[in-house]
Amino acid sequence: MEWYPKRRFGDLADEMAARFPDAEALVDGDLRLTFTELAARIDDAAKRLIAAGVASGENVALWLNNQAEWMFIAFAVQKIGAVLVPLNTRFRTRDIAYVLGQSDSVLLITHDVSGPVGYLDMVREAVDLPAQGTAVSDTRFPHLRAVIIVEDDGPSKSRPGVVSWNDLVEPGKAVADETLSERANRVDPDAVTFIMYTSGTTGFPKGVMHSHKLIRNVEERGFRMGITPNDVILNYLPLFHAFGYSEGALMSLVTGAKQVLTRSFDPDECLDLIAGERATLIHGFEAHMKGLTEAQEIRPRDLSSLRCGIFAAGMLSATPITTRGARVLAPLTNISGFGMTETWIGVALCSIDDDAYHRCETSGYPSFSYEIRVADPDTNAETGVGEPGELQVRGYSLMLGYYNKPEDTAASYTNDGWFKTGDTVMWLERGYIRLVGRHKDMLKVGGENVDPMETEALLLEHPEVHQVAVVGRPDAAMSEVAVAYIERAPGSGLTEEAVIAFCQGQVASFKIPRHVVFVDAFPMTASGKIRKADLREDAVDRFKTSKETTS
């Protein structure tokens, strides 16, 4: 007998429909679907893809914002044995051209226009679409056969060179149920089922390959969090990202919990939905916790249904945010953890029974089926309690590799088989870990190691600081010095001098920012993380000599 049941992503909706046929599965605006109805929509999408000629093992790129159709198409791709390639909706022309070519996708399924963004216009800039017909034959994308546009129900618009999703199955050419069943039954649960591209905070993103084994990973976390069909998941995280895909879409189809989907993260809309839908589970990063907390303080709602949620915290810089959020969003029990696309979610995770200190100031303890070690990134020698080192991981949930990048795949593992996360952590007492930050984010100031998150945590205590990121810039005398990028609170007139004065006497002098730069907004990844690589580049350019000052 296998160590875990051989389940497949494409079967999940059918399994839930058999167990809870009339239970609500998905809410998207005015659309409300039971598990039976959701399974039928997925089957309909699967037949359209078969009719479009998608074969087992072929890669299909899905470039859609959060909406019900994302669910239908994504799980349909996996049901027929093709490979889902979910694309970041913040990608622009250069990004989409790179990923389309690197992923060998045979179809691109996207919007015409969504909100203010013209997706089809960007596709036309990146790909030579045909003037006649719909068959793509761009030599730069030898695998790409067609671009498909998802639109609202109703008559299809005339768009040269593309196919409407609504027109995929022509009358009289519908795919038989037996054909779909035969395709679904042939799917290998150990095969690649999706390729998810990393956020790309530096350089081009890499395509992370995973198999259906991740179902077991989601089951284990659902068990640990006590998730049942009585739960309601509010999912404002992007479905193309590991967090939203795993803890929203997959968790619903694995546990029978209802998923309430939003098109984007709007704190007021989300709080209204928590109250109206009686949501029990929410997840996110510090930015989500902060946004929800501030909106709730301004206009309180009834949040008594909230039970728990994973907020990717456990860093000193996040402690003021999570501590405040735990109070304002009560009875929410926020638990922190660690995960990434390559390792999947929940490498480490707190318990819902942990005290506030462990839930707000640690990143949890190792989860089921993961091995963790903290090691010197240069020697791989293990570090002791309280000593920072690189988090290295082993376990069944690790990626199958980077798509078409064997050298990068090999370089991401140690000689003895541990995946190198590139994140700096430290062991705490009782087997918990604390995330310190990316290894490259650590500063070396006059020979002293400086964790920028310590300074960030201090600055977040200032009432006029809304958000902050500390990076290093080269310095001839000190090797590096700290630069603080700050987004002021609304109405604030905070000055550089006041920021530096606030730090003095509270942290060592070498940890105090040498410069302060005020910004209106931060460059962000789609998952809500600040792109510190962009800030480091700006700091180098802005402060070319130590005599220069901020503007």
Protein backbone atom coordinates (compact mmCIF):
# COMPACT_ATOMS: atom_id res chain seq x y z
CA MET A 1 0.00 0.00 0.00
CA GLU A 2 1.23 3.51 -0.85
CA TRP A 3 2.17 5.80 2.01
CA TYR A 4 -0.65 8.14 1.00
CA PRO A 5 -3.77 7.74 -1.20
CA LYS A 6 -3.08 8.40 -4.88
CA ARG A 7 -5.48 11.30 -5.43
CA ARG A 8 -5.64 13.76 -8.31
CA PHE A 9 -6.47 17.45 -8.50
CA GLY A 10 -9.02 16.91 -11.27
CA ASP A 11 -11.04 14.47 -9.12
CA LEU A 12 -11.43 16.72 -6.07
CA ALA A 13 -14.62 18.50 -7.10
CA ASP A 14 -16.28 15.17 -7.99
CA GLU A 15 -15.30 13.74 -4.59
CA MET A 16 -16.82 16.71 -2.75
CA ALA A 17 -19.94 16.60 -4.95
CA ALA A 18 -20.44 12.96 -3.98
CA ARG A 19 -20.05 13.74 -0.26
CA PHE A 20 -21.79 17.14 -0.04
CA PRO A 21 -23.84 17.52 -3.25
CA ASP A 22 -26.01 20.44 -2.11
CA ALA A 23 -23.50 22.28 0.06
CA GLU A 24 -22.27 25.65 -1.22
CA ALA A 25 -18.78 25.38 -2.67
CA LEU A 26 -18.03 28.72 -4.30
CA VAL A 27 -19.30 32.28 -3.99
CA ASP A 28 -18.14 34.88 -6.52
CA GLY A 29 -20.22 38.03 -6.32
CA ASP A 30 -23.79 37.07 -7.20
CA LEU A 31 -22.74 33.60 -8.40
CA ARG A 32 -23.28 30.85 -5.82
CA LEU A 33 -22.48 27.25 -6.73
CA THR A 34 -22.91 23.97 -4.89
CA PHE A 35 -20.22 21.31 -5.15
CA THR A 36 -22.41 19.49 -7.69
CA GLU A 37 -22.68 22.64 -9.80
CA LEU A 38 -18.97 23.40 -9.46
CA ALA A 39 -18.06 19.88 -10.61
CA ALA A 40 -20.35 20.29 -13.62
CA ARG A 41 -18.73 23.63 -14.56
CA ILE A 42 -15.29 22.02 -14.36
CA ASP A 43 -16.46 19.16 -16.60
CA ASP A 44 -17.85 21.66 -19.11
CA ALA A 45 -14.51 23.49 -19.18
CA ALA A 46 -12.66 20.19 -19.56
CA LYS A 47 -14.74 19.28 -22.61
CA ARG A 48 -14.02 22.67 -24.18
CA LEU A 49 -10.29 22.10 -23.72
CA ILE A 50 -10.50 18.64 -25.26
CA ALA A 51 -12.43 20.12 -28.18
CA ALA A 52 -9.65 22.72 -28.52
CA GLY A 53 -7.17 19.86 -28.98
CA VAL A 54 -5.35 20.02 -25.66
CA ALA A 55 -3.48 16.72 -25.16
CA SER A 56 -2.30 15.05 -21.98
CA GLY A 57 0.99 16.52 -20.77
CA GLU A 58 0.63 19.79 -22.69
CA ASN A 59 1.05 23.06 -20.81
CA VAL A 60 -1.84 25.55 -20.66
CA ALA A 61 -1.19 29.12 -19.43
CA LEU A 62 -4.00 30.75 -17.42
CA TRP A 63 -3.68 34.53 -17.07
CA LEU A 64 -6.86 35.51 -15.24
CA ASN A 65 -7.71 37.55 -12.19
CA ASN A 66 -9.70 35.97 -9.37
CA GLN A 67 -13.06 34.83 -10.69
CA ALA A 68 -15.10 31.65 -10.85
CA GLU A 69 -13.82 30.87 -14.36
CA TRP A 70 -10.30 30.58 -12.96
CA MET A 71 -11.52 27.66 -10.84
CA PHE A 72 -13.41 26.00 -13.70
CA ILE A 73 -10.54 26.20 -16.17
CA ALA A 74 -7.67 25.43 -13.78
CA PHE A 75 -9.15 22.20 -12.47
CA ALA A 76 -10.36 21.26 -15.96
CA VAL A 77 -6.80 21.51 -17.28
CA GLN A 78 -5.67 19.16 -14.54
CA LYS A 79 -8.63 16.81 -14.98
CA ILE A 80 -7.68 16.03 -18.59
CA GLY A 81 -4.03 15.41 -17.71
CA ALA A 82 -2.66 18.67 -19.06
CA VAL A 83 -0.40 20.93 -16.99
CA LEU A 84 -1.71 24.17 -15.49
CA VAL A 85 0.56 27.22 -15.79
CA PRO A 86 -1.05 29.97 -13.67
CA LEU A 87 0.37 33.38 -14.55
CA ASN A 88 0.83 36.42 -12.35
CA THR A 89 -1.74 39.06 -13.28
CA ARG A 90 0.85 41.74 -12.54
CA PHE A 91 2.99 40.48 -15.39
CA ARG A 92 3.38 42.93 -18.22
CA THR A 93 4.53 42.56 -21.82
CA ARG A 94 8.14 41.59 -21.18
CA ASP A 95 7.17 39.17 -18.40
CA ILE A 96 4.45 37.45 -20.39
CA ALA A 97 6.70 37.04 -23.42
CA TYR A 98 9.37 35.38 -21.30
CA VAL A 99 7.03 33.01 -19.44
CA LEU A 100 5.02 32.03 -22.53
CA GLY A 101 8.21 31.02 -24.28
CA GLN A 102 9.91 29.41 -21.30
CA SER A 103 6.86 27.37 -20.30
CA ASP A 104 6.18 25.91 -23.78
CA SER A 105 2.48 26.64 -23.28
CA VAL A 106 0.18 25.55 -26.12
CA LEU A 107 -2.70 27.84 -25.13
CA LEU A 108 -2.90 31.19 -23.38
CA ILE A 109 -6.26 31.83 -21.72
CA THR A 110 -6.73 35.41 -20.57
CA HIS A 111 -8.91 38.52 -20.42
CA ASP A 112 -9.47 41.12 -23.09
CA VAL A 113 -9.66 43.86 -20.48
CA SER A 114 -9.94 43.47 -16.71
CA GLY A 115 -10.40 46.66 -14.73
CA PRO A 116 -7.97 49.22 -16.13
CA VAL A 117 -5.59 46.62 -17.60
CA GLY A 118 -5.68 45.67 -21.27
CA TYR A 119 -4.43 42.07 -21.21
CA LEU A 120 -5.11 41.39 -24.88
CA ASP A 121 -3.26 44.56 -25.86
CA MET A 122 -0.20 43.25 -24.01
CA VAL A 123 -0.55 39.87 -25.69
CA ARG A 124 -0.63 41.57 -29.09
CA GLU A 125 2.59 43.41 -28.21
CA ALA A 126 4.29 40.18 -27.16
CA VAL A 127 2.91 37.71 -29.73
CA ASP A 128 2.31 38.01 -33.47
CA LEU A 129 -1.37 37.11 -33.66
CA PRO A 130 -2.77 36.14 -37.07
CA ALA A 131 -4.63 38.67 -39.19
CA GLN A 132 -6.70 35.83 -40.63
CA GLY A 133 -8.03 32.94 -38.54
CA THR A 134 -6.96 32.12 -35.00
CA ALA A 135 -3.96 29.76 -35.34
CA VAL A 136 -0.85 31.34 -33.84
CA SER A 137 2.40 30.68 -35.71
CA ASP A 138 4.99 32.91 -34.05
CA THR A 139 8.46 31.31 -34.30
CA ARG A 140 9.41 32.83 -30.94
CA PHE A 141 6.66 30.71 -29.36
CA PRO A 142 6.80 27.46 -31.33
CA HIS A 143 4.42 25.61 -28.98
CA LEU A 144 1.73 28.31 -28.74
CA ARG A 145 -1.28 27.43 -30.91
CA ALA A 146 -3.97 29.88 -29.81
CA VAL A 147 -4.96 32.72 -27.49
CA ILE A 148 -8.35 32.32 -25.85
CA ILE A 149 -10.32 35.18 -24.32
CA VAL A 150 -12.65 34.64 -21.35
CA GLU A 151 -15.60 37.02 -21.43
CA ASP A 152 -18.95 37.43 -19.77
CA ASP A 153 -21.78 35.21 -20.91
CA GLY A 154 -23.48 36.48 -24.04
CA PRO A 155 -22.57 37.11 -27.65
CA SER A 156 -18.85 36.92 -28.36
CA LYS A 157 -17.08 40.06 -29.50
CA SER A 158 -15.19 40.04 -32.77
CA ARG A 159 -11.48 40.01 -31.98
CA PRO A 160 -9.09 39.24 -34.84
CA GLY A 161 -6.61 36.47 -34.19
CA VAL A 162 -8.09 35.11 -30.95
CA VAL A 163 -10.72 32.60 -29.87
CA SER A 164 -13.59 33.26 -27.48
CA TRP A 165 -13.91 30.78 -24.61
CA ASN A 166 -17.67 30.81 -25.22
CA ASP A 167 -17.15 29.55 -28.78
CA LEU A 168 -14.79 26.65 -28.00
CA VAL A 169 -17.40 23.89 -28.28
CA GLU A 170 -19.39 24.24 -31.47
CA PRO A 171 -22.96 22.93 -31.68
CA GLY A 172 -22.98 19.26 -32.63
CA LYS A 173 -19.33 18.76 -31.67
CA ALA A 174 -19.71 18.40 -27.94
CA VAL A 175 -17.30 15.99 -26.23
CA ALA A 176 -18.95 12.87 -24.82
CA ASP A 177 -18.93 12.13 -21.09
CA GLU A 178 -17.13 8.85 -21.85
CA THR A 179 -14.31 10.72 -23.59
CA LEU A 180 -13.81 12.98 -20.59
CA SER A 181 -13.92 10.04 -18.16
CA GLU A 182 -11.33 8.18 -20.19
CA ARG A 183 -8.99 11.20 -20.16
CA ALA A 184 -9.48 11.73 -16.42
CA ASN A 185 -8.84 8.08 -15.58
CA ARG A 186 -5.51 8.12 -17.43
CA VAL A 187 -4.04 10.94 -15.33
CA ASP A 188 -0.91 9.85 -13.45
CA PRO A 189 -1.04 11.18 -9.85
CA ASP A 190 2.77 11.28 -9.76
CA ALA A 191 3.03 13.40 -12.91
CA VAL A 192 3.49 17.16 -13.06
CA THR A 193 0.09 18.83 -12.67
CA PHE A 194 1.07 22.50 -12.52
CA ILE A 195 4.02 24.81 -13.08
CA MET A 196 3.89 27.88 -10.86
CA TYR A 197 6.28 30.71 -11.53
CA THR A 198 8.06 32.36 -8.62
CA SER A 199 7.41 36.00 -7.80
CA GLY A 200 10.56 37.04 -9.60
CA THR A 201 11.81 39.54 -7.01
CA THR A 202 15.21 39.30 -8.74
CA GLY A 203 15.74 38.36 -12.39
CA PHE A 204 13.28 36.30 -14.38
CA PRO A 205 10.84 34.02 -12.54
CA LYS A 206 11.40 30.26 -12.52
CA GLY A 207 8.71 27.67 -13.19
CA VAL A 208 8.28 25.40 -10.16
CA MET A 209 6.89 21.95 -11.01
CA HIS A 210 4.63 20.06 -8.59
CA SER A 211 2.66 16.82 -8.74
CA HIS A 212 -0.69 15.77 -7.25
CA LYS A 213 1.14 14.79 -4.03
CA LEU A 214 0.37 18.26 -2.71
CA ILE A 215 -3.17 17.10 -1.96
CA ARG A 216 -1.68 15.28 1.03
CA ASN A 217 0.10 18.47 2.11
CA VAL A 218 -3.21 20.38 2.08
CA GLU A 219 -4.98 17.56 3.95
CA GLU A 220 -2.38 17.61 6.72
CA ARG A 221 -2.68 21.36 7.22
CA GLY A 222 -6.48 21.20 7.13
CA PHE A 223 -6.36 18.58 9.87
CA ARG A 224 -3.94 20.65 11.94
CA MET A 225 -6.20 23.71 11.66
CA GLY A 226 -9.38 21.72 12.27
CA ILE A 227 -10.99 22.75 8.95
CA THR A 228 -14.35 21.08 8.22
CA PRO A 229 -17.27 21.52 5.80
CA ASN A 230 -18.68 23.99 8.34
CA ASP A 231 -15.88 26.45 7.60
CA VAL A 232 -16.08 29.39 5.20
CA ILE A 233 -12.83 30.56 3.58
CA LEU A 234 -12.68 34.19 2.47
CA ASN A 235 -10.08 34.17 -0.30
CA TYR A 236 -8.81 37.59 -1.37
CA LEU A 237 -5.34 36.22 -2.19
CA PRO A 238 -4.55 35.83 -5.91
CA LEU A 239 -5.34 32.34 -7.17
CA PHE A 240 -2.22 32.27 -9.35
CA HIS A 241 -0.09 32.44 -6.19
CA ALA A 242 0.76 29.42 -4.05
CA PHE A 243 -0.91 30.86 -0.94
CA GLY A 244 -4.28 31.66 -2.52
CA TYR A 245 -4.32 28.52 -4.68
CA SER A 246 -3.47 26.23 -1.77
CA GLU A 247 -5.34 27.75 1.17
CA GLY A 248 -8.38 28.87 -0.81
CA ALA A 249 -9.03 26.79 -3.93
CA LEU A 250 -7.41 23.52 -2.88
CA MET A 251 -8.37 23.67 0.78
CA SER A 252 -12.03 24.09 -0.17
CA LEU A 253 -11.97 21.08 -2.51
CA VAL A 254 -10.06 18.93 -0.01
CA THR A 255 -12.11 19.71 3.11
CA GLY A 256 -15.54 20.70 1.79
CA ALA A 257 -15.28 24.22 3.21
CA LYS A 258 -17.00 26.98 1.22
CA GLN A 259 -14.74 29.42 -0.63
CA VAL A 260 -15.85 33.05 -0.96
CA LEU A 261 -13.79 34.64 -3.70
CA THR A 262 -12.99 38.33 -4.16
CA ARG A 263 -11.56 39.89 -7.31
CA SER A 264 -8.92 41.78 -5.31
CA PHE A 265 -8.02 42.77 -1.77
CA ASP A 266 -10.18 45.63 -0.57
CA PRO A 267 -10.21 45.70 3.25
CA ASP A 268 -13.69 47.18 3.54
CA GLU A 269 -15.20 44.73 1.06
CA CYS A 270 -13.46 41.84 2.81
CA LEU A 271 -14.71 42.86 6.26
CA ASP A 272 -18.25 43.23 4.91
CA LEU A 273 -18.00 39.72 3.42
CA ILE A 274 -16.69 38.27 6.68
CA ALA A 275 -19.76 39.64 8.42
CA GLY A 276 -22.22 38.79 5.65
CA GLU A 277 -20.96 35.30 4.75
CA ARG A 278 -19.94 34.43 8.33
CA ALA A 279 -16.41 33.65 7.20
CA THR A 280 -14.33 31.56 9.59
CA LEU A 281 -10.93 31.49 7.85
CA ILE A 282 -8.79 34.28 6.38
CA HIS A 283 -5.13 34.23 5.39
CA GLY A 284 -2.49 36.65 4.16
CA PHE A 285 0.65 38.62 4.75
CA GLU A 286 1.37 41.55 7.02
CA ALA A 287 -0.09 43.99 4.48
CA HIS A 288 -3.44 42.17 4.61
CA MET A 289 -3.45 42.05 8.39
CA LYS A 290 -2.62 45.74 8.56
CA GLY A 291 -5.28 46.73 6.03
CA LEU A 292 -8.03 44.72 7.72
CA THR A 293 -7.06 46.01 11.15
CA GLU A 294 -7.14 49.67 10.15
CA ALA A 295 -10.45 49.33 8.28
CA GLN A 296 -12.05 47.52 11.23
CA GLU A 297 -10.92 50.25 13.63
CA ILE A 298 -12.52 52.91 11.43
CA ARG A 299 -15.81 51.03 10.88
CA PRO A 300 -16.27 47.99 13.14
CA ARG A 301 -18.14 44.95 11.79
CA ASP A 302 -19.39 41.77 13.42
CA LEU A 303 -16.38 39.44 13.08
CA SER A 304 -17.60 36.92 15.64
CA SER A 305 -17.56 34.10 13.04
CA LEU A 306 -13.79 34.30 12.54
CA ARG A 307 -11.88 31.31 13.80
CA CYS A 308 -8.31 31.25 12.54
CA GLY A 309 -5.99 32.07 9.68
CA ILE A 310 -2.38 31.81 8.55
CA PHE A 311 -0.60 35.13 8.38
CA ALA A 312 2.91 34.76 7.04
CA ALA A 313 4.59 36.55 9.89
CA GLY A 314 6.93 35.33 12.60
CA MET A 315 9.40 38.12 11.81
CA LEU A 316 10.30 40.85 14.24
CA SER A 317 9.19 43.50 11.74
CA ALA A 318 5.69 41.98 11.66
CA THR A 319 5.21 41.68 15.42
CA PRO A 320 3.53 45.08 15.97
CA ILE A 321 1.15 44.38 13.07
CA THR A 322 0.16 40.87 14.13
CA THR A 323 -0.17 41.80 17.79
CA ARG A 324 -2.48 44.70 16.98
CA GLY A 325 -4.40 42.61 14.43
CA ALA A 326 -4.97 39.78 16.92
CA ARG A 327 -6.64 42.28 19.22
CA VAL A 328 -8.71 44.21 16.67
CA LEU A 329 -9.81 41.19 14.59
CA ALA A 330 -10.79 39.07 17.59
CA PRO A 331 -11.84 36.28 17.90
CA LEU A 332 -9.42 35.51 15.03
CA THR A 333 -6.58 33.24 16.10
CA ASN A 334 -3.76 34.18 13.76
CA ILE A 335 -1.06 31.55 13.28
CA SER A 336 2.24 32.18 11.56
CA GLY A 337 4.26 29.81 9.45
CA PHE A 338 6.73 29.44 6.64
CA GLY A 339 6.34 28.27 3.06
CA MET A 340 7.41 29.08 -0.47
CA THR A 341 6.51 27.94 -3.97
CA GLU A 342 9.33 25.38 -4.09
CA THR A 343 8.52 23.76 -0.72
CA TRP A 344 4.80 24.53 -0.69
CA ILE A 345 2.86 25.87 2.27
CA GLY A 346 3.39 25.02 5.91
CA VAL A 347 7.00 23.87 6.18
CA ALA A 348 6.64 25.26 9.67
CA LEU A 349 3.39 26.30 11.31
CA CYS A 350 2.16 27.36 14.70
CA SER A 351 -0.62 25.55 16.50
CA ILE A 352 -3.99 27.20 17.02
CA ASP A 353 -3.44 26.43 20.73
CA ASP A 354 -0.15 28.35 20.91
CA ASP A 355 0.11 31.45 23.05
CA ALA A 356 0.23 34.94 21.55
CA TYR A 357 4.03 35.11 21.71
CA HIS A 358 4.56 32.01 19.59
CA ARG A 359 1.78 32.90 17.14
CA CYS A 360 2.97 36.49 16.62
CA GLU A 361 6.73 36.32 17.06
CA THR A 362 7.78 32.93 15.68
CA SER A 363 7.31 31.08 12.40
CA GLY A 364 6.06 27.92 14.05
CA TYR A 365 7.60 24.48 14.30
CA PRO A 366 8.19 21.81 11.61
CA SER A 367 5.01 20.43 10.06
CA PHE A 368 4.16 16.85 9.16
CA SER A 369 6.48 15.24 6.63
CA TYR A 370 9.07 18.02 6.62
CA GLU A 371 12.64 17.89 7.90
CA ILE A 372 14.27 21.21 8.73
CA ARG A 373 17.82 22.19 9.46
CA VAL A 374 19.39 25.60 10.00
CA ALA A 375 22.88 25.78 8.54
CA ASP A 376 25.69 28.08 7.55
CA PRO A 377 24.93 28.82 3.88
CA ASP A 378 28.58 28.52 2.92
CA THR A 379 29.59 25.36 4.81
CA ASN A 380 26.18 23.73 5.51
CA ALA A 381 27.33 23.21 9.11
CA GLU A 382 24.29 23.27 11.40
CA THR A 383 23.86 26.24 13.74
CA GLY A 384 22.71 26.24 17.34
CA VAL A 385 19.72 27.78 19.10
CA GLY A 386 19.66 31.55 18.61
CA GLU A 387 22.24 31.49 15.80
CA PRO A 388 21.03 32.64 12.37
CA GLY A 389 21.53 30.38 9.38
CA GLU A 390 19.90 29.31 6.13
CA LEU A 391 16.68 27.31 6.37
CA GLN A 392 17.16 24.02 4.51
CA VAL A 393 14.32 21.58 3.93
CA ARG A 394 13.61 17.98 2.93
CA GLY A 395 10.22 16.35 2.40
CA TYR A 396 7.74 14.90 -0.11
CA SER A 397 6.14 18.30 -0.82
CA LEU A 398 9.26 19.75 -2.39
CA MET A 399 9.13 20.68 -6.06
CA LEU A 400 9.98 18.24 -8.81
CA GLY A 401 12.36 20.88 -10.16
CA TYR A 402 12.42 24.11 -12.14
CA TYR A 403 10.90 23.67 -15.60
CA ASN A 404 13.60 23.40 -18.27
CA LYS A 405 16.25 24.64 -15.82
CA PRO A 406 18.24 21.60 -14.70
CA GLU A 407 21.26 23.65 -13.63
CA ASP A 408 19.17 25.95 -11.44
CA THR A 409 17.43 22.91 -9.98
CA ALA A 410 20.72 21.23 -9.10
CA ALA A 411 22.12 24.45 -7.62
CA SER A 412 19.14 24.78 -5.28
CA TYR A 413 20.08 21.62 -3.34
CA THR A 414 23.04 20.78 -1.11
CA ASN A 415 25.20 17.79 -1.94
CA ASP A 416 23.36 15.76 0.70
CA GLY A 417 19.90 16.55 -0.69
CA TRP A 418 18.59 19.51 1.32
CA PHE A 419 16.71 22.27 -0.51
CA LYS A 420 18.32 25.67 0.10
CA THR A 421 15.55 28.20 0.69
CA GLY A 422 17.80 31.27 0.73
CA ASP A 423 15.94 32.45 3.85
CA THR A 424 17.71 33.16 7.11
CA VAL A 425 16.08 31.76 10.25
CA MET A 426 17.11 30.76 13.74
CA TRP A 427 16.04 28.00 16.07
CA LEU A 428 14.26 29.17 19.20
CA GLU A 429 13.62 27.19 22.35
CA ARG A 430 11.08 24.34 22.20
CA GLY A 431 11.74 23.65 18.51
CA TYR A 432 10.22 26.82 17.04
CA ILE A 433 11.92 28.85 14.34
CA ARG A 434 11.92 32.57 13.60
CA LEU A 435 12.28 33.94 10.09
CA VAL A 436 14.97 36.61 10.00
CA GLY A 437 14.75 37.44 6.29
CA ARG A 438 16.31 36.67 2.96
CA HIS A 439 20.01 35.91 3.30
CA LYS A 440 20.83 38.70 0.85
CA ASP A 441 18.80 41.20 2.94
CA MET A 442 21.17 40.98 5.91
CA LEU A 443 23.44 44.00 6.27
CA LYS A 444 27.14 44.08 7.21
CA VAL A 445 27.76 47.46 8.88
CA GLY A 446 31.33 48.04 9.99
CA GLY A 447 31.85 44.32 10.54
CA GLU A 448 28.58 43.91 12.47
CA ASN A 449 25.72 41.75 11.17
CA VAL A 450 22.51 43.78 11.11
CA ASP A 451 19.07 42.25 10.76
CA PRO A 452 17.03 44.96 8.99
CA MET A 453 13.83 43.57 10.47
CA GLU A 454 14.86 44.67 13.94
CA THR A 455 15.02 48.29 12.79
CA GLU A 456 11.83 47.86 10.77
CA ALA A 457 10.03 46.57 13.85
CA LEU A 458 11.18 49.59 15.85
CA LEU A 459 10.10 52.08 13.19
CA LEU A 460 6.68 50.47 12.87
CA GLU A 461 6.08 51.44 16.49
CA HIS A 462 6.19 55.11 15.40
CA PRO A 463 2.58 56.30 15.03
CA GLU A 464 3.39 58.22 11.82
CA VAL A 465 4.99 55.26 10.01
CA HIS A 466 2.54 53.32 7.86
CA GLN A 467 5.03 50.92 6.21
CA VAL A 468 8.81 50.59 6.20
CA ALA A 469 11.60 48.65 4.55
CA VAL A 470 15.29 48.85 5.48
CA VAL A 471 17.98 47.95 2.95
CA GLY A 472 21.72 48.41 2.71
CA ARG A 473 23.80 50.53 0.38
CA PRO A 474 27.57 50.31 -0.12
CA ASP A 475 29.73 52.61 2.00
CA ALA A 476 33.49 53.05 1.67
CA ALA A 477 34.08 53.35 5.40
CA MET A 478 31.47 50.97 6.85
CA SER A 479 31.09 48.43 4.02
CA GLU A 480 27.32 49.01 4.20
CA VAL A 481 24.95 51.43 5.89
CA ALA A 482 21.20 51.20 6.41
CA VAL A 483 18.67 53.13 4.35
CA ALA A 484 15.06 53.27 5.57
CA TYR A 485 12.28 53.61 3.00
CA ILE A 486 9.14 54.84 4.73
CA GLU A 487 5.55 55.34 3.68
CA ARG A 488 4.10 57.91 6.05
CA ALA A 489 0.72 57.56 7.72
CA PRO A 490 -1.97 59.77 6.11
CA GLY A 491 -1.54 63.40 7.06
CA SER A 492 1.91 62.88 8.55
CA GLY A 493 4.72 65.40 8.19
CA LEU A 494 7.37 63.03 9.52
CA THR A 495 10.95 64.10 8.72
CA GLU A 496 14.21 62.25 8.30
CA GLU A 497 15.59 63.91 11.43
CA ALA A 498 12.60 62.77 13.49
CA VAL A 499 12.99 59.19 12.27
CA ILE A 500 16.66 59.04 13.20
CA ALA A 501 16.01 60.69 16.56
CA PHE A 502 13.31 58.10 17.28
CA CYS A 503 15.88 55.30 16.82
CA GLN A 504 18.62 56.87 18.91
CA GLY A 505 19.01 55.30 22.30
CA GLN A 506 16.79 52.34 21.39
CA VAL A 507 19.10 50.35 19.13
CA ALA A 508 22.84 50.23 18.59
CA SER A 509 24.17 53.14 16.54
CA PHE A 510 25.20 50.92 13.62
CA LYS A 511 21.56 49.75 13.27
CA ILE A 512 20.20 53.29 12.88
CA PRO A 513 19.46 54.28 9.26
CA ARG A 514 22.01 56.60 7.73
CA HIS A 515 19.40 57.87 5.28
CA VAL A 516 15.59 58.01 5.16
CA VAL A 517 13.63 58.04 1.91
CA PHE A 518 9.90 58.80 1.97
CA VAL A 519 7.79 57.05 -0.65
CA ASP A 520 4.13 57.15 -1.65
CA ALA A 521 4.04 53.40 -2.30
CA PHE A 522 6.41 50.44 -2.36
CA PRO A 523 7.24 48.22 -5.31
CA MET A 524 5.45 44.98 -4.45
CA THR A 525 5.28 41.40 -5.62
CA ALA A 526 1.84 39.98 -6.37
CA SER A 527 1.87 38.18 -3.02
CA GLY A 528 2.19 41.44 -1.09
CA LYS A 529 5.94 41.41 -0.40
CA ILE A 530 8.10 44.49 -0.80
CA ARG A 531 10.61 44.14 -3.63
CA LYS A 532 13.73 44.99 -1.65
CA ALA A 533 15.93 44.35 -4.68
CA ASP A 534 14.35 47.40 -6.32
CA LEU A 535 14.96 49.48 -3.21
CA ARG A 536 18.61 48.41 -3.05
CA GLU A 537 19.08 49.49 -6.65
CA ASP A 538 17.45 52.81 -5.89
CA ALA A 539 19.64 53.32 -2.81
CA VAL A 540 22.82 52.67 -4.79
CA ASP A 541 21.73 55.13 -7.48
CA ARG A 542 20.37 57.73 -5.06
CA PHE A 543 23.38 57.81 -2.73
CA LYS A 544 26.34 57.55 -5.05
CA THR A 545 28.66 59.02 -2.41
CA SER A 546 28.38 59.24 1.34
CA LYS A 547 28.14 63.06 1.01
CA GLU A 548 24.83 62.91 -0.84
CA THR A 549 21.60 63.42 1.06
CA THR A 550 18.06 62.26 0.60
CA SER A 551 15.56 64.17 -1.43
